[in-house]
PDB file of N, CA and C in Angstrom:
ATOM      1  N   MET A   1     140.916-158.274 -97.908  1.00  0.00           N
ATOM      2  CA  MET A   1     142.183-157.975 -96.109  1.00  0.00           C
ATOM      3  C   MET A   1     142.309-159.655 -95.488  1.00  0.00           C
ATOM      4  N   GLY A   2     143.267-159.284 -94.774  1.00  0.00           N
ATOM      5  CA  GLY A   2     143.637-160.316 -93.834  1.00  0.00           C
ATOM      6  C   GLY A   2     143.003-160.559 -92.572  1.00  0.00           C
ATOM      7  N   SER A   3     144.130-161.047 -91.957  1.00  0.00           N
ATOM      8  CA  SER A   3     143.315-161.505 -90.657  1.00  0.00           C
ATOM      9  C   SER A   3     144.485-160.901 -89.667  1.00  0.00           C
ATOM     10  N   ASP A   4     145.776-159.617 -90.032  1.00  0.00           N
ATOM     11  CA  ASP A   4     147.271-160.077 -89.686  1.00  0.00           C
ATOM     12  C   ASP A   4     146.945-158.848 -88.765  1.00  0.00           C
ATOM     13  N   ARG A   5     145.945-158.272 -87.949  1.00  0.00           N
ATOM     14  CA  ARG A   5     145.951-156.595 -86.647  1.00  0.00           C
ATOM     15  C   ARG A   5     147.409-157.249 -86.607  1.00  0.00           C
ATOM     16  N   ASP A   6     147.783-155.790 -86.391  1.00  0.00           N
ATOM     17  CA  ASP A   6     149.215-155.595 -85.248  1.00  0.00           C
ATOM     18  C   ASP A   6     148.537-156.007 -83.769  1.00  0.00           C
ATOM     19  N   GLU A   7     149.300-155.488 -83.064  1.00  0.00           N
ATOM     20  CA  GLU A   7     149.455-154.883 -81.808  1.00  0.00           C
ATOM     21  C   GLU A   7     148.558-154.320 -81.429  1.00  0.00           C
ATOM     22  N   TYR A   8     148.174-152.636 -82.113  1.00  0.00           N
ATOM     23  CA  TYR A   8     147.380-152.066 -81.839  1.00  0.00           C
ATOM     24  C   TYR A   8     145.725-152.415 -82.631  1.00  0.00           C
ATOM     25  N   GLY A   9     145.626-153.583 -83.183  1.00  0.00           N
ATOM     26  CA  GLY A   9     144.453-154.099 -83.619  1.00  0.00           C
ATOM     27  C   GLY A   9     144.188-153.300 -85.417  1.00  0.00           C
ATOM     28  N   CYS A  10     145.202-152.703 -85.422  1.00  0.00           N
ATOM     29  CA  CYS A  10     144.966-152.667 -87.267  1.00  0.00           C
ATOM     30  C   CYS A  10     145.408-153.167 -87.635  1.00  0.00           C
ATOM     31  N   LEU A  11     144.979-153.537 -89.520  1.00  0.00           N
ATOM     32  CA  LEU A  11     145.035-154.206 -90.374  1.00  0.00           C
ATOM     33  C   LEU A  11     146.304-154.259 -91.593  1.00  0.00           C
ATOM     34  N   PRO A  12     147.255-154.433 -91.137  1.00  0.00           N
ATOM     35  CA  PRO A  12     148.361-153.759 -92.002  1.00  0.00           C
ATOM     36  C   PRO A  12     148.317-153.933 -93.764  1.00  0.00           C
ATOM     37  N   SER A  13     147.993-155.314 -93.962  1.00  0.00           N
ATOM     38  CA  SER A  13     147.717-156.218 -95.100  1.00  0.00           C
ATOM     39  C   SER A  13     145.608-154.754 -95.678  1.00  0.00           C
ATOM     40  N   GLY A  14     145.331-153.780 -95.184  1.00  0.00           N
ATOM     41  CA  GLY A  14     144.716-153.197 -95.358  1.00  0.00           C
ATOM     42  C   GLY A  14     145.013-151.579 -95.814  1.00  0.00           C
ATOM     43  N   GLY A  15     146.014-151.866 -95.675  1.00  0.00           N
ATOM     44  CA  GLY A  15     146.971-150.477 -95.916  1.00  0.00           C
ATOM     45  C   GLY A  15     147.061-149.551 -94.623  1.00  0.00           C
ATOM     46  N   TYR A  16     146.253-149.480 -92.949  1.00  0.00           N
ATOM     47  CA  TYR A  16     146.125-149.219 -92.004  1.00  0.00           C
ATOM     48  C   TYR A  16     147.619-149.887 -90.832  1.00  0.00           C
ATOM     49  N   LYS A  17     147.965-148.089 -90.671  1.00  0.00           N
ATOM     50  CA  LYS A  17     148.919-148.011 -89.256  1.00  0.00           C
ATOM     51  C   LYS A  17     148.130-147.068 -88.445  1.00  0.00           C
ATOM     52  N   TRP A  18     148.753-147.807 -86.926  1.00  0.00           N
ATOM     53  CA  TRP A  18     148.702-146.892 -85.931  1.00  0.00           C
ATOM     54  C   TRP A  18     149.275-145.875 -86.024  1.00  0.00           C
ATOM     55  N   SER A  19     148.710-144.581 -85.743  1.00  0.00           N
ATOM     56  CA  SER A  19     149.225-143.553 -85.782  1.00  0.00           C
ATOM     57  C   SER A  19     149.456-142.939 -83.986  1.00  0.00           C
ATOM     58  N   GLN A  20     150.546-142.628 -83.545  1.00  0.00           N
ATOM     59  CA  GLN A  20     150.868-142.338 -82.387  1.00  0.00           C
ATOM     60  C   GLN A  20     150.034-141.044 -82.046  1.00  0.00           C
ATOM     61  N   ALA A  21     150.540-140.218 -83.443  1.00  0.00           N
ATOM     62  CA  ALA A  21     148.980-138.602 -82.958  1.00  0.00           C
ATOM     63  C   ALA A  21     148.221-138.722 -82.738  1.00  0.00           C
ATOM     64  N   LEU A  22     147.811-139.233 -83.462  1.00  0.00           N
ATOM     65  CA  LEU A  22     146.183-139.964 -83.128  1.00  0.00           C
ATOM     66  C   LEU A  22     145.131-140.320 -82.409  1.00  0.00           C
ATOM     67  N   GLU A  23     146.186-141.437 -82.244  1.00  0.00           N
ATOM     68  CA  GLU A  23     146.179-143.139 -81.243  1.00  0.00           C
ATOM     69  C   GLU A  23     145.304-143.496 -81.590  1.00  0.00           C
ATOM     70  N   GLN A  24     144.738-144.175 -82.973  1.00  0.00           N
ATOM     71  CA  GLN A  24     144.521-144.893 -83.606  1.00  0.00           C
ATOM     72  C   GLN A  24     144.856-145.203 -84.849  1.00  0.00           C
ATOM     73  N   CYS A  25     144.259-146.448 -84.791  1.00  0.00           N
ATOM     74  CA  CYS A  25     144.475-147.320 -86.706  1.00  0.00           C
ATOM     75  C   CYS A  25     144.285-146.295 -87.998  1.00  0.00           C
ATOM     76  N   ILE A  26     145.111-145.908 -88.711  1.00  0.00           N
ATOM     77  CA  ILE A  26     144.463-144.827 -89.710  1.00  0.00           C
ATOM     78  C   ILE A  26     145.174-145.572 -91.603  1.00  0.00           C
ATOM     79  N   SER A  27     144.116-144.811 -92.392  1.00  0.00           N
ATOM     80  CA  SER A  27     144.931-145.106 -93.795  1.00  0.00           C
ATOM     81  C   SER A  27     145.738-143.495 -93.625  1.00  0.00           C
ATOM     82  N   LEU A  28     147.271-143.618 -93.920  1.00  0.00           N
ATOM     83  CA  LEU A  28     147.659-142.499 -94.290  1.00  0.00           C
ATOM     84  C   LEU A  28     147.578-141.911 -95.909  1.00  0.00           C
ATOM     85  N   TRP A  29     147.106-142.474 -96.806  1.00  0.00           N
ATOM     86  CA  TRP A  29     146.349-142.158 -98.297  1.00  0.00           C
ATOM     87  C   TRP A  29     145.145-141.041 -97.588  1.00  0.00           C
ATOM     88  N   GLU A  30     144.390-141.358 -96.543  1.00  0.00           N
ATOM     89  CA  GLU A  30     143.416-140.507 -96.449  1.00  0.00           C
ATOM     90  C   GLU A  30     143.179-139.665 -95.716  1.00  0.00           C
ATOM     91  N   ALA A  31     143.906-140.047 -94.276  1.00  0.00           N
ATOM     92  CA  ALA A  31     145.041-138.736 -92.974  1.00  0.00           C
ATOM     93  C   ALA A  31     145.673-138.520 -93.387  1.00  0.00           C
ATOM     94  N   GLY A  32     146.364-138.288 -93.630  1.00  0.00           N
ATOM     95  CA  GLY A  32     147.547-138.132 -94.392  1.00  0.00           C
ATOM     96  C   GLY A  32     148.108-136.207 -95.458  1.00  0.00           C
ATOM     97  N   ILE A  33     148.830-136.211 -94.925  1.00  0.00           N
ATOM     98  CA  ILE A  33     148.892-135.322 -95.876  1.00  0.00           C
ATOM     99  C   ILE A  33     150.002-135.483 -96.524  1.00  0.00           C
ATOM    100  N   GLU A  34     150.776-135.477 -97.453  1.00  0.00           N
ATOM    101  CA  GLU A  34     151.385-136.567 -98.875  1.00  0.00           C
ATOM    102  C   GLU A  34     152.932-135.535 -98.982  1.00  0.00           C
ATOM    103  N   MET A  35     154.519-135.735 -98.374  1.00  0.00           N
ATOM    104  CA  MET A  35     155.228-135.365 -98.334  1.00  0.00           C
ATOM    105  C   MET A  35     156.022-135.640 -99.371  1.00  0.00           C
ATOM    106  N   LEU A  36     156.709-134.596 -99.943  1.00  0.00           N
ATOM    107  CA  LEU A  36     157.393-134.922-101.147  1.00  0.00           C
ATOM    108  C   LEU A  36     159.214-135.274-101.348  1.00  0.00           C
ATOM    109  N   ASP A  37     159.333-136.093-100.928  1.00  0.00           N
ATOM    110  CA  ASP A  37     161.061-136.395-100.877  1.00  0.00           C
ATOM    111  C   ASP A  37     161.769-135.833-101.512  1.00  0.00           C
ATOM    112  N   THR A  38     163.120-134.573-100.639  1.00  0.00           N
ATOM    113  CA  THR A  38     163.234-133.627-101.940  1.00  0.00           C
ATOM    114  C   THR A  38     164.641-133.854-102.227  1.00  0.00           C
ATOM    115  N   ARG A  39     165.359-134.892-101.436  1.00  0.00           N
ATOM    116  CA  ARG A  39     166.304-135.717-102.306  1.00  0.00           C
ATOM    117  C   ARG A  39     166.320-136.724-103.684  1.00  0.00           C
ATOM    118  N   ILE A  40     165.173-136.667-104.260  1.00  0.00           N
ATOM    119  CA  ILE A  40     164.702-137.813-105.555  1.00  0.00           C
ATOM    120  C   ILE A  40     164.207-136.818-106.136  1.00  0.00           C
ATOM    121  N   PRO A  41     165.014-136.579-107.214  1.00  0.00           N
ATOM    122  CA  PRO A  41     164.259-136.002-108.608  1.00  0.00           C
ATOM    123  C   PRO A  41     163.256-135.704-108.762  1.00  0.00           C
ATOM    124  N   THR A  42     162.973-137.604-108.812  1.00  0.00           N
ATOM    125  CA  THR A  42     162.274-138.068-109.864  1.00  0.00           C
ATOM    126  C   THR A  42     159.872-137.839-108.857  1.00  0.00           C
ATOM    127  N   ARG A  43     160.520-137.397-107.516  1.00  0.00           N
ATOM    128  CA  ARG A  43     159.535-137.627-106.959  1.00  0.00           C
ATOM    129  C   ARG A  43     158.389-138.648-106.663  1.00  0.00           C
ATOM    130  N   THR A  44     159.189-139.852-106.568  1.00  0.00           N
ATOM    131  CA  THR A  44     158.609-140.562-106.644  1.00  0.00           C
ATOM    132  C   THR A  44     158.311-141.359-105.098  1.00  0.00           C
ATOM    133  N   LYS A  45     158.798-141.048-104.438  1.00  0.00           N
ATOM    134  CA  LYS A  45     159.113-141.211-103.049  1.00  0.00           C
ATOM    135  C   LYS A  45     157.872-140.890-102.419  1.00  0.00           C
ATOM    136  N   THR A  46     157.204-140.310-101.444  1.00  0.00           N
ATOM    137  CA  THR A  46     156.332-139.751-100.736  1.00  0.00           C
ATOM    138  C   THR A  46     156.759-140.256 -99.185  1.00  0.00           C
ATOM    139  N   GLY A  47     156.115-139.343 -98.762  1.00  0.00           N
ATOM    140  CA  GLY A  47     155.883-139.680 -96.802  1.00  0.00           C
ATOM    141  C   GLY A  47     154.774-139.330 -96.235  1.00  0.00           C
ATOM    142  N   TYR A  48     154.745-139.348 -95.725  1.00  0.00           N
ATOM    143  CA  TYR A  48     152.438-138.613 -95.112  1.00  0.00           C
ATOM    144  C   TYR A  48     152.611-138.091 -93.522  1.00  0.00           C
ATOM    145  N   LEU A  49     152.596-137.312 -93.493  1.00  0.00           N
ATOM    146  CA  LEU A  49     152.198-135.976 -92.338  1.00  0.00           C
ATOM    147  C   LEU A  49     150.830-136.431 -91.411  1.00  0.00           C
ATOM    148  N   ILE A  50     151.051-137.067 -90.248  1.00  0.00           N
ATOM    149  CA  ILE A  50     149.834-136.573 -89.416  1.00  0.00           C
ATOM    150  C   ILE A  50     150.467-135.616 -88.659  1.00  0.00           C
ATOM    151  N   ILE A  51     148.843-134.807 -88.302  1.00  0.00           N
ATOM    152  CA  ILE A  51     148.909-133.700 -87.203  1.00  0.00           C
ATOM    153  C   ILE A  51     148.077-133.851 -86.197  1.00  0.00           C
ATOM    154  N   SER A  52     148.369-133.957 -85.370  1.00  0.00           N
ATOM    155  CA  SER A  52     147.252-134.338 -83.940  1.00  0.00           C
ATOM    156  C   SER A  52     146.020-132.788 -84.284  1.00  0.00           C
ATOM    157  N   PRO A  53     144.345-133.017 -83.592  1.00  0.00           N
ATOM    158  CA  PRO A  53     143.954-132.246 -84.809  1.00  0.00           C
ATOM    159  C   PRO A  53     144.303-130.761 -83.545  1.00  0.00           C
ATOM    160  N   ASP A  54     144.614-130.921 -81.863  1.00  0.00           N
ATOM    161  CA  ASP A  54     145.442-129.613 -81.311  1.00  0.00           C
ATOM    162  C   ASP A  54     146.492-129.688 -81.483  1.00  0.00           C
ATOM    163  N   LYS A  55     147.224-129.595 -82.732  1.00  0.00           N
ATOM    164  CA  LYS A  55     148.221-129.924 -83.933  1.00  0.00           C
ATOM    165  C   LYS A  55     149.135-130.095 -82.485  1.00  0.00           C
ATOM    166  N   ALA A  56     149.356-130.378 -81.242  1.00  0.00           N
ATOM    167  CA  ALA A  56     149.818-130.743 -79.875  1.00  0.00           C
ATOM    168  C   ALA A  56     151.630-131.371 -80.786  1.00  0.00           C
ATOM    169  N   LYS A  57     150.319-132.683 -81.377  1.00  0.00           N
ATOM    170  CA  LYS A  57     151.589-133.835 -81.812  1.00  0.00           C
ATOM    171  C   LYS A  57     151.522-134.002 -83.602  1.00  0.00           C
ATOM    172  N   ALA A  58     153.106-134.433 -84.296  1.00  0.00           N
ATOM    173  CA  ALA A  58     152.371-134.549 -85.685  1.00  0.00           C
ATOM    174  C   ALA A  58     153.088-135.861 -85.901  1.00  0.00           C
ATOM    175  N   GLU A  59     153.551-136.053 -86.988  1.00  0.00           N
ATOM    176  CA  GLU A  59     154.126-137.518 -86.517  1.00  0.00           C
ATOM    177  C   GLU A  59     154.303-138.095 -88.269  1.00  0.00           C
ATOM    178  N   MET A  60     156.052-138.695 -88.505  1.00  0.00           N
ATOM    179  CA  MET A  60     156.198-138.336 -90.038  1.00  0.00           C
ATOM    180  C   MET A  60     156.273-139.876 -90.275  1.00  0.00           C
ATOM    181  N   PHE A  61     155.570-140.634 -91.425  1.00  0.00           N
ATOM    182  CA  PHE A  61     155.393-141.400 -92.357  1.00  0.00           C
ATOM    183  C   PHE A  61     156.252-141.467 -93.155  1.00  0.00           C
ATOM    184  N   PHE A  62     157.864-142.024 -93.624  1.00  0.00           N
ATOM    185  CA  PHE A  62     158.865-142.001 -93.905  1.00  0.00           C
ATOM    186  C   PHE A  62     158.289-143.182 -95.162  1.00  0.00           C
ATOM    187  N   PRO A  63     158.306-143.279 -96.331  1.00  0.00           N
ATOM    188  CA  PRO A  63     158.727-144.574 -97.124  1.00  0.00           C
ATOM    189  C   PRO A  63     159.225-145.537 -96.810  1.00  0.00           C
ATOM    190  N   GLY A  64     158.762-146.861 -97.029  1.00  0.00           N
ATOM    191  CA  GLY A  64     159.075-147.863 -96.366  1.00  0.00           C
ATOM    192  C   GLY A  64     159.390-148.705 -94.540  1.00  0.00           C
ATOM    193  N   LYS A  65     159.008-147.818 -94.056  1.00  0.00           N
ATOM    194  CA  LYS A  65     158.832-148.173 -92.969  1.00  0.00           C
ATOM    195  C   LYS A  65     157.441-148.034 -91.630  1.00  0.00           C
ATOM    196  N   SER A  66     157.720-149.304 -91.189  1.00  0.00           N
ATOM    197  CA  SER A  66     156.305-149.979 -90.552  1.00  0.00           C
ATOM    198  C   SER A  66     155.538-149.036 -89.997  1.00  0.00           C
ATOM    199  N   THR A  67     156.755-147.821 -89.035  1.00  0.00           N
ATOM    200  CA  THR A  67     156.557-146.808 -87.952  1.00  0.00           C
ATOM    201  C   THR A  67     156.416-145.157 -88.463  1.00  0.00           C
ATOM    202  N   GLY A  68     155.987-144.410 -87.893  1.00  0.00           N
ATOM    203  CA  GLY A  68     155.792-143.422 -87.673  1.00  0.00           C
ATOM    204  C   GLY A  68     157.006-142.022 -86.657  1.00  0.00           C
ATOM    205  N   LEU A  69     157.593-141.784 -87.277  1.00  0.00           N
ATOM    206  CA  LEU A  69     158.634-140.773 -86.654  1.00  0.00           C
ATOM    207  C   LEU A  69     157.953-139.700 -85.853  1.00  0.00           C
ATOM    208  N   LEU A  70     157.084-139.709 -84.720  1.00  0.00           N
ATOM    209  CA  LEU A  70     156.948-138.734 -83.465  1.00  0.00           C
ATOM    210  C   LEU A  70     157.650-137.709 -83.555  1.00  0.00           C
ATOM    211  N   LEU A  71     156.803-136.180 -83.448  1.00  0.00           N
ATOM    212  CA  LEU A  71     157.409-134.719 -82.961  1.00  0.00           C
ATOM    213  C   LEU A  71     156.228-134.435 -82.330  1.00  0.00           C
ATOM    214  N   LEU A  72     156.902-133.528 -80.981  1.00  0.00           N
ATOM    215  CA  LEU A  72     155.888-132.606 -80.720  1.00  0.00           C
ATOM    216  C   LEU A  72     156.128-131.007 -80.828  1.00  0.00           C
ATOM    217  N   LYS A  73     155.040-130.792 -80.918  1.00  0.00           N
ATOM    218  CA  LYS A  73     155.233-129.044 -80.396  1.00  0.00           C
ATOM    219  C   LYS A  73     155.477-128.833 -79.950  1.00  0.00           C
ATOM    220  N   LYS A  74     156.463-127.690 -79.481  1.00  0.00           N
ATOM    221  CA  LYS A  74     156.979-127.000 -78.677  1.00  0.00           C
ATOM    222  C   LYS A  74     157.533-125.210 -79.570  1.00  0.00           C
ATOM    223  N   ASP A  75     156.859-124.536 -78.849  1.00  0.00           N
ATOM    224  CA  ASP A  75     156.583-122.597 -78.838  1.00  0.00           C
ATOM    225  C   ASP A  75     156.242-123.324 -80.833  1.00  0.00           C
ATOM    226  N   SER A  76     156.987-122.578 -82.272  1.00  0.00           N
ATOM    227  CA  SER A  76     156.268-123.264 -83.439  1.00  0.00           C
ATOM    228  C   SER A  76     156.917-124.354 -83.893  1.00  0.00           C
ATOM    229  N   ILE A  77     157.340-125.354 -84.221  1.00  0.00           N
ATOM    230  CA  ILE A  77     158.207-126.175 -84.431  1.00  0.00           C
ATOM    231  C   ILE A  77     157.110-127.522 -83.827  1.00  0.00           C
ATOM    232  N   TRP A  78     157.938-128.759 -84.206  1.00  0.00           N
ATOM    233  CA  TRP A  78     157.886-129.885 -83.898  1.00  0.00           C
ATOM    234  C   TRP A  78     159.306-130.054 -83.529  1.00  0.00           C
ATOM    235  N   LEU A  79     159.970-131.140 -82.936  1.00  0.00           N
ATOM    236  CA  LEU A  79     160.542-132.013 -82.725  1.00  0.00           C
ATOM    237  C   LEU A  79     160.597-133.286 -82.587  1.00  0.00           C
ATOM    238  N   ASP A  80     161.664-133.986 -82.598  1.00  0.00           N
ATOM    239  CA  ASP A  80     161.134-135.467 -82.158  1.00  0.00           C
ATOM    240  C   ASP A  80     162.149-135.589 -80.860  1.00  0.00           C
ATOM    241  N   GLU A  81     161.857-137.160 -80.994  1.00  0.00           N
ATOM    242  CA  GLU A  81     162.711-136.855 -79.499  1.00  0.00           C
ATOM    243  C   GLU A  81     164.248-136.987 -79.413  1.00  0.00           C
ATOM    244  N   GLU A  82     165.538-137.254 -80.159  1.00  0.00           N
ATOM    245  CA  GLU A  82     166.413-137.124 -79.872  1.00  0.00           C
ATOM    246  C   GLU A  82     166.854-135.468 -80.427  1.00  0.00           C
ATOM    247  N   ARG A  83     166.031-134.797 -81.451  1.00  0.00           N
ATOM    248  CA  ARG A  83     165.902-133.490 -82.022  1.00  0.00           C
ATOM    249  C   ARG A  83     166.456-133.678 -83.300  1.00  0.00           C
ATOM    250  N   ILE A  84     166.368-134.886 -84.134  1.00  0.00           N
ATOM    251  CA  ILE A  84     166.924-134.912 -85.487  1.00  0.00           C
ATOM    252  C   ILE A  84     166.643-133.973 -85.913  1.00  0.00           C
ATOM    253  N   HIS A  85     164.996-133.981 -86.428  1.00  0.00           N
ATOM    254  CA  HIS A  85     163.894-134.163 -87.168  1.00  0.00           C
ATOM    255  C   HIS A  85     163.616-132.599 -86.188  1.00  0.00           C
ATOM    256  N   VAL A  86     163.039-131.819 -87.552  1.00  0.00           N
ATOM    257  CA  VAL A  86     162.507-130.649 -87.566  1.00  0.00           C
ATOM    258  C   VAL A  86     160.658-130.099 -88.575  1.00  0.00           C
ATOM    259  N   LEU A  87     160.364-129.715 -87.617  1.00  0.00           N
ATOM    260  CA  LEU A  87     158.724-129.707 -88.740  1.00  0.00           C
ATOM    261  C   LEU A  87     158.596-128.597 -88.924  1.00  0.00           C
ATOM    262  N   SER A  88     157.842-127.683 -89.530  1.00  0.00           N
ATOM    263  CA  SER A  88     157.591-126.326 -89.462  1.00  0.00           C
ATOM    264  C   SER A  88     156.126-126.623 -90.461  1.00  0.00           C
ATOM    265  N   GLU A  89     155.172-125.594 -89.610  1.00  0.00           N
ATOM    266  CA  GLU A  89     154.691-124.577 -91.132  1.00  0.00           C
ATOM    267  C   GLU A  89     154.537-123.465 -92.054  1.00  0.00           C
ATOM    268  N   TRP A  90     155.889-123.210 -92.387  1.00  0.00           N
ATOM    269  CA  TRP A  90     156.204-122.389 -93.121  1.00  0.00           C
ATOM    270  C   TRP A  90     155.072-121.193 -94.157  1.00  0.00           C
ATOM    271  N   LYS A  91     153.995-122.277 -94.367  1.00  0.00           N
ATOM    272  CA  LYS A  91     153.203-120.840 -94.740  1.00  0.00           C
ATOM    273  C   LYS A  91     151.566-121.976 -94.383  1.00  0.00           C
ATOM    274  N   LYS A  92     150.134-121.465 -94.147  1.00  0.00           N
ATOM    275  CA  LYS A  92     149.377-122.261 -93.728  1.00  0.00           C
ATOM    276  C   LYS A  92     148.895-123.366 -94.633  1.00  0.00           C
ATOM    277  N   GLY A  93     148.635-124.517 -94.147  1.00  0.00           N
ATOM    278  CA  GLY A  93     148.411-126.190 -94.691  1.00  0.00           C
ATOM    279  C   GLY A  93     149.607-126.378 -95.890  1.00  0.00           C
ATOM    280  N   SER A  94     150.867-125.715 -95.425  1.00  0.00           N
ATOM    281  CA  SER A  94     152.066-126.427 -96.308  1.00  0.00           C
ATOM    282  C   SER A  94     153.362-126.605 -94.975  1.00  0.00           C
ATOM    283  N   TYR A  95     154.144-127.747 -95.128  1.00  0.00           N
ATOM    284  CA  TYR A  95     154.923-128.216 -93.956  1.00  0.00           C
ATOM    285  C   TYR A  95     156.193-128.559 -94.411  1.00  0.00           C
ATOM    286  N   GLN A  96     157.159-128.360 -94.059  1.00  0.00           N
ATOM    287  CA  GLN A  96     158.753-128.642 -94.143  1.00  0.00           C
ATOM    288  C   GLN A  96     159.052-129.815 -92.630  1.00  0.00           C
ATOM    289  N   LEU A  97     159.641-130.539 -92.923  1.00  0.00           N
ATOM    290  CA  LEU A  97     160.555-131.491 -92.342  1.00  0.00           C
ATOM    291  C   LEU A  97     162.460-131.196 -92.455  1.00  0.00           C
ATOM    292  N   LYS A  98     162.796-130.894 -92.143  1.00  0.00           N
ATOM    293  CA  LYS A  98     163.932-130.937 -92.050  1.00  0.00           C
ATOM    294  C   LYS A  98     165.224-131.696 -90.696  1.00  0.00           C
ATOM    295  N   SER A  99     166.079-131.335 -90.606  1.00  0.00           N
ATOM    296  CA  SER A  99     167.210-132.105 -90.526  1.00  0.00           C
ATOM    297  C   SER A  99     167.346-131.284 -89.561  1.00  0.00           C
ATOM    298  N   ILE A 100     168.425-130.892 -88.534  1.00  0.00           N
ATOM    299  CA  ILE A 100     168.638-130.277 -87.218  1.00  0.00           C
ATOM    300  C   ILE A 100     169.257-129.005 -88.008  1.00  0.00           C
ATOM    301  N   ASN A 101     170.780-129.501 -88.823  1.00  0.00           N
ATOM    302  CA  ASN A 101     171.530-128.448 -89.655  1.00  0.00           C
ATOM    303  C   ASN A 101     170.900-127.371 -90.332  1.00  0.00           C
ATOM    304  N   GLY A 102     169.439-128.136 -91.085  1.00  0.00           N
ATOM    305  CA  GLY A 102     168.555-127.270 -91.885  1.00  0.00           C
ATOM    306  C   GLY A 102     168.630-127.641 -93.099  1.00  0.00           C
ATOM    307  N   ALA A 103     169.228-128.804 -93.374  1.00  0.00           N
ATOM    308  CA  ALA A 103     168.852-129.604 -94.507  1.00  0.00           C
ATOM    309  C   ALA A 103     166.418-130.049 -94.877  1.00  0.00           C
ATOM    310  N   LEU A 104     166.851-129.594 -95.959  1.00  0.00           N
ATOM    311  CA  LEU A 104     165.271-129.905 -95.957  1.00  0.00           C
ATOM    312  C   LEU A 104     164.975-131.416 -96.766  1.00  0.00           C
ATOM    313  N   LEU A 105     164.736-132.464 -96.909  1.00  0.00           N
ATOM    314  CA  LEU A 105     164.387-133.367 -96.752  1.00  0.00           C
ATOM    315  C   LEU A 105     162.545-133.310 -97.157  1.00  0.00           C
ATOM    316  N   TYR A 106     161.864-133.556 -96.613  1.00  0.00           N
ATOM    317  CA  TYR A 106     160.543-133.525 -97.125  1.00  0.00           C
ATOM    318  C   TYR A 106     159.693-131.797 -96.750  1.00  0.00           C
ATOM    319  N   HIS A 107     158.690-132.012 -97.679  1.00  0.00           N
ATOM    320  CA  HIS A 107     158.169-130.544 -97.679  1.00  0.00           C
ATOM    321  C   HIS A 107     156.633-131.161 -98.775  1.00  0.00           C
ATOM    322  N   THR A 108     155.002-129.673 -98.786  1.00  0.00           N
ATOM    323  CA  THR A 108     154.293-130.399 -98.752  1.00  0.00           C
ATOM    324  C   THR A 108     154.281-129.303-100.572  1.00  0.00           C
ATOM    325  N   ASN A 109     153.112-130.042-101.382  1.00  0.00           N
ATOM    326  CA  ASN A 109     153.135-130.292-102.821  1.00  0.00           C
ATOM    327  C   ASN A 109     152.421-128.473-102.726  1.00  0.00           C
ATOM    328  N   GLN A 110     152.555-127.507-102.213  1.00  0.00           N
ATOM    329  CA  GLN A 110     151.602-126.124-102.283  1.00  0.00           C
ATOM    330  C   GLN A 110     152.833-124.868-101.796  1.00  0.00           C
TER     331      GLN A 110
END
């Protein structure tokens, strides 16, 4: 592992990213929930979902992006600041990320 710490003290070369939802450095494949990209039939690109312990915040990490998209809980869904993305738990432990117009973008494999 290198010494390439980011502004939060995370080591990107070791696979660690800062999570706004958890307010700590995380390894996506250890802390995250794998989300499948519905627009890619081979399903080789996955994103990762992080949900805070109190479920007030969720964060979606997309492939190739260094930072996550923060979503805040409103009633039974999570919305990003611009209200472009909607995250919902469609059955216990299973999640869907949709665009505001209803197009399914990512989902868990459950």
